[in-house]
C-alpha cells in the first residue's frame, strides 16, 4: 500500500509506524525541510509543503490512502477555518478529481462538532450544533469533503479528546495545585492515542465507504474523577476547580458535557480497545513513565 499522511504529529506518526511495520510505503507532508529530515529518519518519505498555501503543494496523486490529520497550531497565525477548511480545499485541489481512483481519504475530525448536549448521549446520528470555532471549522471541513469528488471514498473519524504518553490533560495545573477551569461534574470523552491509531488502521482496512464514526472509549468520565486519578497516580495534590459561574474566556469547552456512544465503531470496525476506560489508560502511561525514570518511585 502507498499511503500519504497530512500531519505526522501525535496521532499521524503512530499511524505511520503501524503502516511501515506492515511493509507499506508511507509519505508524509510537512512544512519544513528540518522536519522532513526527521521523517526520513523514521522511514517516512517527506513531501514539503504548507496546506494553507496551495502554491507550495505538489500534485498529491498515486496514493491508496490519504490520512488528513493535521493539527491546529495557534502560534501559526492561521485560524481553525484557514487550516481545516482552506487547507482541506487546497489538498483536494492537488489530489484532483481523478487522481486517486480507488483510494480512501480518511479525515480526522472532532466530537466538538456536536456542541454541548447537557449530559446527553450522542452518536453518528445526533444533529451537529457546534458553537466553538474549532467545532464549526471541523464541521465545515466535513461538509466540504462530502461535496467533493472524493465524497464516495471518504471516511470521517470524529475523535474525542486524545490522551496518551506525554499528553495528560491538566497535568501542569495539578502539579502547581492551581484551580482547574472546568466543571468537575461534567463528562469527559476520551480516546487513548494507541486506540485511536488502531481505529485509523481498521478504518483503512474495513470501513464501508463512505463512512462516519465517532471515536471514543465509550466510557465517559466525570472530570473530577478523571483528574483525581491522574493526581493519585502521579502523587500530586488533589484537583481543585474554579468556583461555579460563567466560564472564563477560552474555557467554554471545559464546561460542556456530553457522552459519546461508540457502538457503531465497535460493530462495524471490530476494534477491541486496549484501554476501555481512562483508568487502564492512565495506569499504562504512568507505568511507562516509571519505567523510563520520568516519575520517582514511591518509598
C-alpha atoms as a PDB file:
ATOM      1  CA  UNK A   1       0.000   0.000   0.000  1.00  0.00           C
ATOM      2  CA  UNK A   2       1.122   3.546  -0.737  1.00  0.00           C
ATOM      3  CA  UNK A   3      -0.061   5.962   1.954  1.00  0.00           C
ATOM      4  CA  UNK A   4       0.101   9.736   2.418  1.00  0.00           C
ATOM      5  CA  UNK A   5      -0.246  11.303   5.852  1.00  0.00           C
ATOM      6  CA  UNK A   6      -1.029  15.010   6.054  1.00  0.00           C
ATOM      7  CA  UNK A   7       0.285  15.864   9.510  1.00  0.00           C
ATOM      8  CA  UNK A   8       2.689  13.351  11.087  1.00  0.00           C
ATOM      9  CA  UNK A   9       2.100  14.582  14.615  1.00  0.00           C
ATOM     10  CA  UNK A  10       0.947  12.864  17.791  1.00  0.00           C
ATOM     11  CA  UNK A  11      -1.544  10.586  16.021  1.00  0.00           C
ATOM     12  CA  UNK A  12      -0.250  10.650  12.449  1.00  0.00           C
ATOM     13  CA  UNK A  13       3.253   9.489  13.377  1.00  0.00           C
ATOM     14  CA  UNK A  14       1.854   6.460  15.200  1.00  0.00           C
ATOM     15  CA  UNK A  15      -0.312   5.527  12.230  1.00  0.00           C
ATOM     16  CA  UNK A  16       2.770   5.883  10.021  1.00  0.00           C
ATOM     17  CA  UNK A  17       4.677   3.475  12.266  1.00  0.00           C
ATOM     18  CA  UNK A  18       1.889   0.903  12.010  1.00  0.00           C
ATOM     19  CA  UNK A  19       1.756   1.100   8.238  1.00  0.00           C
ATOM     20  CA  UNK A  20       5.540   0.983   7.942  1.00  0.00           C
ATOM     21  CA  UNK A  21       5.655  -2.096  10.169  1.00  0.00           C
ATOM     22  CA  UNK A  22       3.186  -3.758   7.781  1.00  0.00           C
ATOM     23  CA  UNK A  23       5.566  -3.103   4.881  1.00  0.00           C
ATOM     24  CA  UNK A  24       3.634  -0.187   3.405  1.00  0.00           C
ATOM     25  CA  UNK A  25       5.208   2.820   1.692  1.00  0.00           C
ATOM     26  CA  UNK A  26       4.421   5.919   3.735  1.00  0.00           C
ATOM     27  CA  UNK A  27       4.779   9.537   2.662  1.00  0.00           C
ATOM     28  CA  UNK A  28       4.299  12.486   4.993  1.00  0.00           C
ATOM     29  CA  UNK A  29       3.518  16.126   4.288  1.00  0.00           C
ATOM     30  CA  UNK A  30       5.453  18.573   6.440  1.00  0.00           C
ATOM     31  CA  UNK A  31       6.017  22.321   6.375  1.00  0.00           C
ATOM     32  CA  UNK A  32       9.793  22.372   6.840  1.00  0.00           C
ATOM     33  CA  UNK A  33      12.928  20.733   5.461  1.00  0.00           C
ATOM     34  CA  UNK A  34      14.149  20.169   9.022  1.00  0.00           C
ATOM     35  CA  UNK A  35      11.022  18.231   9.920  1.00  0.00           C
ATOM     36  CA  UNK A  36      11.352  16.411   6.598  1.00  0.00           C
ATOM     37  CA  UNK A  37      14.783  15.154   7.641  1.00  0.00           C
ATOM     38  CA  UNK A  38      13.272  13.836  10.850  1.00  0.00           C
ATOM     39  CA  UNK A  39      10.612  11.969   8.881  1.00  0.00           C
ATOM     40  CA  UNK A  40      13.323  10.327   6.787  1.00  0.00           C
ATOM     41  CA  UNK A  41      14.923   9.021   9.993  1.00  0.00           C
ATOM     42  CA  UNK A  42      11.580   7.420  10.859  1.00  0.00           C
ATOM     43  CA  UNK A  43      11.307   5.750   7.464  1.00  0.00           C
ATOM     44  CA  UNK A  44       8.705   8.207   6.140  1.00  0.00           C
ATOM     45  CA  UNK A  45       9.243   9.799   2.732  1.00  0.00           C
ATOM     46  CA  UNK A  46       8.774  13.572   3.115  1.00  0.00           C
ATOM     47  CA  UNK A  47       6.833  15.993   0.971  1.00  0.00           C
ATOM     48  CA  UNK A  48       7.498  19.617   1.962  1.00  0.00           C
ATOM     49  CA  UNK A  49       4.529  21.944   1.635  1.00  0.00           C
ATOM     50  CA  UNK A  50       2.022  24.026   3.576  1.00  0.00           C
ATOM     51  CA  UNK A  51      -1.664  23.106   3.284  1.00  0.00           C
ATOM     52  CA  UNK A  52      -2.629  26.749   3.831  1.00  0.00           C
ATOM     53  CA  UNK A  53      -0.557  27.778   0.770  1.00  0.00           C
ATOM     54  CA  UNK A  54      -1.748  25.907  -2.284  1.00  0.00           C
ATOM     55  CA  UNK A  55       1.214  27.010  -4.398  1.00  0.00           C
ATOM     56  CA  UNK A  56       3.599  25.066  -2.123  1.00  0.00           C
ATOM     57  CA  UNK A  57       1.803  21.751  -2.613  1.00  0.00           C
ATOM     58  CA  UNK A  58       2.838  19.340  -5.370  1.00  0.00           C
ATOM     59  CA  UNK A  59       0.339  17.053  -7.081  1.00  0.00           C
ATOM     60  CA  UNK A  60      -0.813  14.580  -4.420  1.00  0.00           C
ATOM     61  CA  UNK A  61      -1.686  11.624  -6.631  1.00  0.00           C
ATOM     62  CA  UNK A  62      -0.981   7.916  -6.774  1.00  0.00           C
ATOM     63  CA  UNK A  63      -1.808   7.029  -3.160  1.00  0.00           C
ATOM     64  CA  UNK A  64      -4.010   4.171  -1.992  1.00  0.00           C
ATOM     65  CA  UNK A  65      -4.973   6.027   1.183  1.00  0.00           C
ATOM     66  CA  UNK A  66      -4.676   9.632   2.352  1.00  0.00           C
ATOM     67  CA  UNK A  67      -4.936  10.420   6.063  1.00  0.00           C
ATOM     68  CA  UNK A  68      -5.688  14.064   6.836  1.00  0.00           C
ATOM     69  CA  UNK A  69      -4.623  14.556  10.445  1.00  0.00           C
ATOM     70  CA  UNK A  70      -3.015  17.971  10.627  1.00  0.00           C
ATOM     71  CA  UNK A  71      -3.415  19.685  13.973  1.00  0.00           C
ATOM     72  CA  UNK A  72      -4.273  23.283  14.730  1.00  0.00           C
ATOM     73  CA  UNK A  73      -1.317  25.399  15.859  1.00  0.00           C
ATOM     74  CA  UNK A  74      -2.491  28.658  17.406  1.00  0.00           C
ATOM     75  CA  UNK A  75       1.020  30.109  17.017  1.00  0.00           C
ATOM     76  CA  UNK A  76       0.868  29.702  13.236  1.00  0.00           C
ATOM     77  CA  UNK A  77      -1.155  32.863  12.734  1.00  0.00           C
ATOM     78  CA  UNK A  78      -3.915  30.938  10.937  1.00  0.00           C
ATOM     79  CA  UNK A  79      -7.446  30.395  12.162  1.00  0.00           C
ATOM     80  CA  UNK A  80      -9.009  26.983  12.590  1.00  0.00           C
ATOM     81  CA  UNK A  81     -11.071  27.710   9.467  1.00  0.00           C
ATOM     82  CA  UNK A  82      -7.922  28.567   7.494  1.00  0.00           C
ATOM     83  CA  UNK A  83      -6.395  25.220   8.381  1.00  0.00           C
ATOM     84  CA  UNK A  84      -9.276  22.768   8.431  1.00  0.00           C
ATOM     85  CA  UNK A  85     -11.364  24.192   5.600  1.00  0.00           C
ATOM     86  CA  UNK A  86      -8.934  26.207   3.481  1.00  0.00           C
ATOM     87  CA  UNK A  87      -6.199  23.618   3.956  1.00  0.00           C
ATOM     88  CA  UNK A  88      -8.501  20.757   3.031  1.00  0.00           C
ATOM     89  CA  UNK A  89      -9.681  22.589  -0.080  1.00  0.00           C
ATOM     90  CA  UNK A  90      -6.073  23.051  -1.179  1.00  0.00           C
ATOM     91  CA  UNK A  91      -5.344  19.367  -0.595  1.00  0.00           C
ATOM     92  CA  UNK A  92      -8.430  18.311  -2.548  1.00  0.00           C
ATOM     93  CA  UNK A  93      -7.393  20.586  -5.404  1.00  0.00           C
ATOM     94  CA  UNK A  94      -3.951  18.985  -5.539  1.00  0.00           C
ATOM     95  CA  UNK A  95      -5.366  15.470  -5.398  1.00  0.00           C
ATOM     96  CA  UNK A  96      -7.653  16.275  -8.304  1.00  0.00           C
ATOM     97  CA  UNK A  97     -10.950  14.728  -9.278  1.00  0.00           C
ATOM     98  CA  UNK A  98      -9.465  11.608 -10.856  1.00  0.00           C
ATOM     99  CA  UNK A  99      -6.022  11.464  -9.330  1.00  0.00           C
ATOM    100  CA  UNK A 100      -6.624   8.742  -6.770  1.00  0.00           C
ATOM    101  CA  UNK A 101      -9.215   6.365  -8.212  1.00  0.00           C
ATOM    102  CA  UNK A 102      -9.915   3.587  -5.731  1.00  0.00           C
ATOM    103  CA  UNK A 103      -8.152   5.309  -2.831  1.00  0.00           C
ATOM    104  CA  UNK A 104      -9.546   6.081   0.595  1.00  0.00           C
ATOM    105  CA  UNK A 105      -9.490   9.544   2.145  1.00  0.00           C
ATOM    106  CA  UNK A 106      -9.602   9.475   5.953  1.00  0.00           C
ATOM    107  CA  UNK A 107     -10.442  12.781   7.600  1.00  0.00           C
ATOM    108  CA  UNK A 108      -9.722  13.305  11.296  1.00  0.00           C
ATOM    109  CA  UNK A 109     -12.480  15.465  12.749  1.00  0.00           C
ATOM    110  CA  UNK A 110     -13.712  16.131  16.273  1.00  0.00           C
ATOM    111  CA  UNK A 111     -16.652  15.368  18.542  1.00  0.00           C
ATOM    112  CA  UNK A 112     -16.640  19.145  19.023  1.00  0.00           C
ATOM    113  CA  UNK A 113     -18.990  19.285  16.014  1.00  0.00           C
ATOM    114  CA  UNK A 114     -21.835  18.251  18.340  1.00  0.00           C
ATOM    115  CA  UNK A 115     -21.574  21.277  20.579  1.00  0.00           C
ATOM    116  CA  UNK A 116     -22.730  20.712  24.128  1.00  0.00           C
ATOM    117  CA  UNK A 117     -25.621  18.361  24.849  1.00  0.00           C
ATOM    118  CA  UNK A 118     -26.115  18.654  28.641  1.00  0.00           C
ATOM    119  CA  UNK A 119     -25.063  15.108  29.564  1.00  0.00           C
ATOM    120  CA  UNK A 120     -26.942  13.566  26.617  1.00  0.00           C
ATOM    121  CA  UNK A 121     -25.648  10.518  24.761  1.00  0.00           C
ATOM    122  CA  UNK A 122     -24.605  11.334  21.191  1.00  0.00           C
ATOM    123  CA  UNK A 123     -23.699   9.190  18.192  1.00  0.00           C
ATOM    124  CA  UNK A 124     -23.310   9.491  14.420  1.00  0.00           C
ATOM    125  CA  UNK A 125     -26.991  10.357  14.016  1.00  0.00           C
ATOM    126  CA  UNK A 126     -27.017  13.219  16.509  1.00  0.00           C
ATOM    127  CA  UNK A 127     -27.532  16.645  14.861  1.00  0.00           C
ATOM    128  CA  UNK A 128     -24.464  18.878  14.931  1.00  0.00           C
ATOM    129  CA  UNK A 129     -24.612  22.307  16.538  1.00  0.00           C
ATOM    130  CA  UNK A 130     -21.054  23.480  17.270  1.00  0.00           C
ATOM    131  CA  UNK A 131     -20.520  26.801  18.996  1.00  0.00           C
ATOM    132  CA  UNK A 132     -16.736  26.991  19.303  1.00  0.00           C
ATOM    133  CA  UNK A 133     -14.536  27.961  16.362  1.00  0.00           C
ATOM    134  CA  UNK A 134     -12.786  24.585  16.235  1.00  0.00           C
ATOM    135  CA  UNK A 135     -16.015  22.614  16.068  1.00  0.00           C
ATOM    136  CA  UNK A 136     -17.502  24.981  13.481  1.00  0.00           C
ATOM    137  CA  UNK A 137     -14.400  24.607  11.307  1.00  0.00           C
ATOM    138  CA  UNK A 138     -14.343  20.805  11.645  1.00  0.00           C
ATOM    139  CA  UNK A 139     -17.976  20.554  10.598  1.00  0.00           C
ATOM    140  CA  UNK A 140     -17.387  22.883   7.640  1.00  0.00           C
ATOM    141  CA  UNK A 141     -14.456  20.653   6.585  1.00  0.00           C
ATOM    142  CA  UNK A 142     -16.654  17.546   6.819  1.00  0.00           C
ATOM    143  CA  UNK A 143     -19.253  19.208   4.599  1.00  0.00           C
ATOM    144  CA  UNK A 144     -16.588  20.291   2.121  1.00  0.00           C
ATOM    145  CA  UNK A 145     -15.334  16.715   1.840  1.00  0.00           C
ATOM    146  CA  UNK A 146     -18.920  15.430   1.462  1.00  0.00           C
ATOM    147  CA  UNK A 147     -19.418  17.625  -1.621  1.00  0.00           C
ATOM    148  CA  UNK A 148     -16.028  16.873  -3.184  1.00  0.00           C
ATOM    149  CA  UNK A 149     -15.035  14.358  -5.842  1.00  0.00           C
ATOM    150  CA  UNK A 150     -13.723  12.144  -3.034  1.00  0.00           C
ATOM    151  CA  UNK A 151     -17.040  12.030  -1.146  1.00  0.00           C
ATOM    152  CA  UNK A 152     -17.813   8.409  -2.006  1.00  0.00           C
ATOM    153  CA  UNK A 153     -14.303   7.331  -0.921  1.00  0.00           C
ATOM    154  CA  UNK A 154     -14.165   9.273   2.326  1.00  0.00           C
ATOM    155  CA  UNK A 155     -14.154   8.184   5.973  1.00  0.00           C
ATOM    156  CA  UNK A 156     -14.669  10.801   8.684  1.00  0.00           C
ATOM    157  CA  UNK A 157     -13.463   9.980  12.185  1.00  0.00           C
ATOM    158  CA  UNK A 158     -14.784  12.327  14.867  1.00  0.00           C
ATOM    159  CA  UNK A 159     -12.284  11.900  17.679  1.00  0.00           C
ATOM    160  CA  UNK A 160     -12.918  12.587  21.340  1.00  0.00           C
ATOM    161  CA  UNK A 161     -10.082  14.047  23.407  1.00  0.00           C
ATOM    162  CA  UNK A 162      -6.830  12.207  22.717  1.00  0.00           C
ATOM    163  CA  UNK A 163      -4.585  11.404  25.650  1.00  0.00           C
ATOM    164  CA  UNK A 164      -1.524   9.216  25.994  1.00  0.00           C
ATOM    165  CA  UNK A 165       2.201   9.289  26.784  1.00  0.00           C
ATOM    166  CA  UNK A 166       3.331  12.883  27.092  1.00  0.00           C
ATOM    167  CA  UNK A 167      -0.220  14.160  26.848  1.00  0.00           C
ATOM    168  CA  UNK A 168      -2.050  14.127  30.172  1.00  0.00           C
ATOM    169  CA  UNK A 169      -4.672  16.884  30.365  1.00  0.00           C
ATOM    170  CA  UNK A 170      -4.239  19.492  33.119  1.00  0.00           C
ATOM    171  CA  UNK A 171      -1.023  17.978  34.401  1.00  0.00           C
ATOM    172  CA  UNK A 172       0.580  21.400  34.834  1.00  0.00           C
ATOM    173  CA  UNK A 173      -2.317  22.761  36.885  1.00  0.00           C
ATOM    174  CA  UNK A 174      -2.379  19.660  39.063  1.00  0.00           C
ATOM    175  CA  UNK A 175       1.366  19.824  39.712  1.00  0.00           C
ATOM    176  CA  UNK A 176       1.100  23.503  40.659  1.00  0.00           C
ATOM    177  CA  UNK A 177      -2.060  22.954  42.724  1.00  0.00           C
ATOM    178  CA  UNK A 178      -3.812  25.557  40.565  1.00  0.00           C
ATOM    179  CA  UNK A 179      -7.607  25.510  40.246  1.00  0.00           C
ATOM    180  CA  UNK A 180      -8.819  23.902  37.035  1.00  0.00           C
ATOM    181  CA  UNK A 181     -11.160  25.949  34.854  1.00  0.00           C
ATOM    182  CA  UNK A 182     -13.667  23.179  34.223  1.00  0.00           C
ATOM    183  CA  UNK A 183     -16.946  21.811  35.530  1.00  0.00           C
ATOM    184  CA  UNK A 184     -15.976  18.920  37.847  1.00  0.00           C
ATOM    185  CA  UNK A 185     -19.366  17.237  37.417  1.00  0.00           C
ATOM    186  CA  UNK A 186     -19.307  17.383  33.615  1.00  0.00           C
ATOM    187  CA  UNK A 187     -18.366  14.472  31.405  1.00  0.00           C
ATOM    188  CA  UNK A 188     -15.101  13.983  29.511  1.00  0.00           C
ATOM    189  CA  UNK A 189     -14.986  11.815  26.385  1.00  0.00           C
ATOM    190  CA  UNK A 190     -11.573  10.312  25.765  1.00  0.00           C
ATOM    191  CA  UNK A 191      -9.614   8.006  23.494  1.00  0.00           C
ATOM    192  CA  UNK A 192      -6.092   6.746  24.138  1.00  0.00           C
ATOM    193  CA  UNK A 193      -3.780   7.541  21.230  1.00  0.00           C
ATOM    194  CA  UNK A 194      -2.967   3.841  20.740  1.00  0.00           C
ATOM    195  CA  UNK A 195      -6.665   3.038  20.392  1.00  0.00           C
ATOM    196  CA  UNK A 196      -7.138   5.984  18.017  1.00  0.00           C
ATOM    197  CA  UNK A 197      -4.299   4.560  15.926  1.00  0.00           C
ATOM    198  CA  UNK A 198      -5.998   1.161  15.837  1.00  0.00           C
ATOM    199  CA  UNK A 199      -9.211   2.834  14.676  1.00  0.00           C
ATOM    200  CA  UNK A 200      -7.480   4.593  11.779  1.00  0.00           C
ATOM    201  CA  UNK A 201      -5.815   1.351  10.674  1.00  0.00           C
ATOM    202  CA  UNK A 202      -9.119  -0.536  10.930  1.00  0.00           C
ATOM    203  CA  UNK A 203     -10.959   2.184   9.010  1.00  0.00           C
ATOM    204  CA  UNK A 204      -8.463   1.921   6.143  1.00  0.00           C
ATOM    205  CA  UNK A 205      -8.929  -1.846   6.029  1.00  0.00           C
ATOM    206  CA  UNK A 206     -12.593  -2.421   6.792  1.00  0.00           C
ATOM    207  CA  UNK A 207     -14.802   0.678   6.853  1.00  0.00           C
ATOM    208  CA  UNK A 208     -17.650   0.723   4.324  1.00  0.00           C
ATOM    209  CA  UNK A 209     -17.446   3.745   2.027  1.00  0.00           C
ATOM    210  CA  UNK A 210     -18.374   6.451   2.660  1.00  0.00           C
ATOM    211  CA  UNK A 211     -18.029   6.186   6.422  1.00  0.00           C
ATOM    212  CA  UNK A 212     -18.627   8.287   9.523  1.00  0.00           C
ATOM    213  CA  UNK A 213     -17.647   7.231  13.041  1.00  0.00           C
ATOM    214  CA  UNK A 214     -17.455   8.849  16.452  1.00  0.00           C
ATOM    215  CA  UNK A 215     -14.271   7.667  18.156  1.00  0.00           C
ATOM    216  CA  UNK A 216     -14.095   7.433  21.939  1.00  0.00           C
ATOM    217  CA  UNK A 217     -13.590   4.704  24.513  1.00  0.00           C
ATOM    218  CA  UNK A 218     -17.343   4.738  25.159  1.00  0.00           C
ATOM    219  CA  UNK A 219     -16.816   5.243  28.892  1.00  0.00           C
ATOM    220  CA  UNK A 220     -17.443   8.932  29.632  1.00  0.00           C
ATOM    221  CA  UNK A 221     -15.760  10.081  32.828  1.00  0.00           C
ATOM    222  CA  UNK A 222     -16.685  12.809  35.269  1.00  0.00           C
ATOM    223  CA  UNK A 223     -13.945  15.416  35.176  1.00  0.00           C
ATOM    224  CA  UNK A 224     -13.489  15.322  38.931  1.00  0.00           C
ATOM    225  CA  UNK A 225     -12.852  11.565  38.890  1.00  0.00           C
ATOM    226  CA  UNK A 226     -10.503  11.732  35.901  1.00  0.00           C
ATOM    227  CA  UNK A 227      -8.274  14.466  37.329  1.00  0.00           C
ATOM    228  CA  UNK A 228      -8.330  12.874  40.774  1.00  0.00           C
ATOM    229  CA  UNK A 229      -6.997   9.655  39.259  1.00  0.00           C
ATOM    230  CA  UNK A 230      -4.171  11.500  37.482  1.00  0.00           C
ATOM    231  CA  UNK A 231      -3.275  13.214  40.753  1.00  0.00           C
ATOM    232  CA  UNK A 232      -3.351   9.915  42.661  1.00  0.00           C
ATOM    233  CA  UNK A 233      -1.153   8.065  40.170  1.00  0.00           C
ATOM    234  CA  UNK A 234       1.374  10.895  39.903  1.00  0.00           C
ATOM    235  CA  UNK A 235       1.271  11.649  43.636  1.00  0.00           C
ATOM    236  CA  UNK A 236       0.147  15.222  43.048  1.00  0.00           C
ATOM    237  CA  UNK A 237      -2.200  17.385  45.122  1.00  0.00           C
ATOM    238  CA  UNK A 238      -5.888  16.591  44.748  1.00  0.00           C
ATOM    239  CA  UNK A 239      -7.516  18.638  41.988  1.00  0.00           C
ATOM    240  CA  UNK A 240      -9.210  21.940  42.756  1.00  0.00           C
ATOM    241  CA  UNK A 241     -11.754  23.615  40.481  1.00  0.00           C
ATOM    242  CA  UNK A 242     -12.854  27.200  39.941  1.00  0.00           C
ATOM    243  CA  UNK A 243     -15.970  28.269  41.731  1.00  0.00           C
ATOM    244  CA  UNK A 244     -19.158  27.710  39.682  1.00  0.00           C
ATOM    245  CA  UNK A 245     -20.086  30.594  37.473  1.00  0.00           C
ATOM    246  CA  UNK A 246     -19.657  31.818  33.955  1.00  0.00           C
ATOM    247  CA  UNK A 247     -16.743  30.028  32.192  1.00  0.00           C
ATOM    248  CA  UNK A 248     -13.643  32.200  31.763  1.00  0.00           C
ATOM    249  CA  UNK A 249     -12.990  33.231  28.130  1.00  0.00           C
ATOM    250  CA  UNK A 250     -11.484  30.420  26.092  1.00  0.00           C
ATOM    251  CA  UNK A 251     -12.538  27.659  28.507  1.00  0.00           C
ATOM    252  CA  UNK A 252     -16.113  27.046  27.337  1.00  0.00           C
ATOM    253  CA  UNK A 253     -15.258  23.534  26.127  1.00  0.00           C
ATOM    254  CA  UNK A 254     -14.214  22.514  29.620  1.00  0.00           C
ATOM    255  CA  UNK A 255     -17.665  23.440  30.942  1.00  0.00           C
ATOM    256  CA  UNK A 256     -19.617  21.387  28.407  1.00  0.00           C
ATOM    257  CA  UNK A 257     -20.887  17.866  28.993  1.00  0.00           C
ATOM    258  CA  UNK A 258     -21.945  15.119  26.609  1.00  0.00           C
ATOM    259  CA  UNK A 259     -21.489  11.362  26.398  1.00  0.00           C
ATOM    260  CA  UNK A 260     -20.207   9.632  23.268  1.00  0.00           C
ATOM    261  CA  UNK A 261     -21.693   6.286  22.185  1.00  0.00           C
ATOM    262  CA  UNK A 262     -19.108   4.267  20.214  1.00  0.00           C
ATOM    263  CA  UNK A 263     -21.418   1.339  19.327  1.00  0.00           C
ATOM    264  CA  UNK A 264     -21.116   1.792  15.556  1.00  0.00           C
ATOM    265  CA  UNK A 265     -17.332   1.856  15.719  1.00  0.00           C
ATOM    266  CA  UNK A 266     -17.194  -1.430  17.623  1.00  0.00           C
ATOM    267  CA  UNK A 267     -19.819  -3.127  15.466  1.00  0.00           C
ATOM    268  CA  UNK A 268     -18.503  -2.171  12.023  1.00  0.00           C
ATOM    269  CA  UNK A 269     -14.749  -1.890  12.521  1.00  0.00           C
ATOM    270  CA  UNK A 270     -14.330  -4.663  15.060  1.00  0.00           C
ATOM    271  CA  UNK A 271     -11.843  -2.653  17.114  1.00  0.00           C
ATOM    272  CA  UNK A 272     -11.129  -4.103  20.531  1.00  0.00           C
ATOM    273  CA  UNK A 273      -9.926  -1.231  22.674  1.00  0.00           C
ATOM    274  CA  UNK A 274      -6.664  -1.675  24.540  1.00  0.00           C
ATOM    275  CA  UNK A 275      -7.823   0.909  27.074  1.00  0.00           C
ATOM    276  CA  UNK A 276     -11.619   0.638  27.507  1.00  0.00           C
ATOM    277  CA  UNK A 277     -11.611   3.441  30.072  1.00  0.00           C
ATOM    278  CA  UNK A 278      -9.326   6.160  31.367  1.00  0.00           C
ATOM    279  CA  UNK A 279      -8.335   4.001  34.334  1.00  0.00           C
ATOM    280  CA  UNK A 280      -6.478   1.437  32.241  1.00  0.00           C
ATOM    281  CA  UNK A 281      -5.032   4.143  30.025  1.00  0.00           C
ATOM    282  CA  UNK A 282      -3.691   6.286  32.850  1.00  0.00           C
ATOM    283  CA  UNK A 283      -2.187   3.300  34.633  1.00  0.00           C
ATOM    284  CA  UNK A 284      -0.298   2.301  31.487  1.00  0.00           C
ATOM    285  CA  UNK A 285       1.001   5.841  30.926  1.00  0.00           C
ATOM    286  CA  UNK A 286       2.256   6.198  34.483  1.00  0.00           C
ATOM    287  CA  UNK A 287       3.813   2.717  34.423  1.00  0.00           C
ATOM    288  CA  UNK A 288       5.697   3.684  31.268  1.00  0.00           C
ATOM    289  CA  UNK A 289       6.923   6.895  32.890  1.00  0.00           C
ATOM    290  CA  UNK A 290       8.082   4.979  35.950  1.00  0.00           C
ATOM    291  CA  UNK A 291       9.964   2.543  33.733  1.00  0.00           C
ATOM    292  CA  UNK A 292      11.653   5.369  31.838  1.00  0.00           C
ATOM    293  CA  UNK A 293      12.537   7.280  35.004  1.00  0.00           C
ATOM    294  CA  UNK A 294      10.038  10.083  34.462  1.00  0.00           C
ATOM    295  CA  UNK A 295       8.468   9.595  37.910  1.00  0.00           C
ATOM    296  CA  UNK A 296      10.302   8.857  41.112  1.00  0.00           C
ATOM    297  CA  UNK A 297       9.070   5.578  42.658  1.00  0.00           C
ATOM    298  CA  UNK A 298       7.248   5.821  45.972  1.00  0.00           C
ATOM    299  CA  UNK A 299       9.037   4.780  49.174  1.00  0.00           C
END
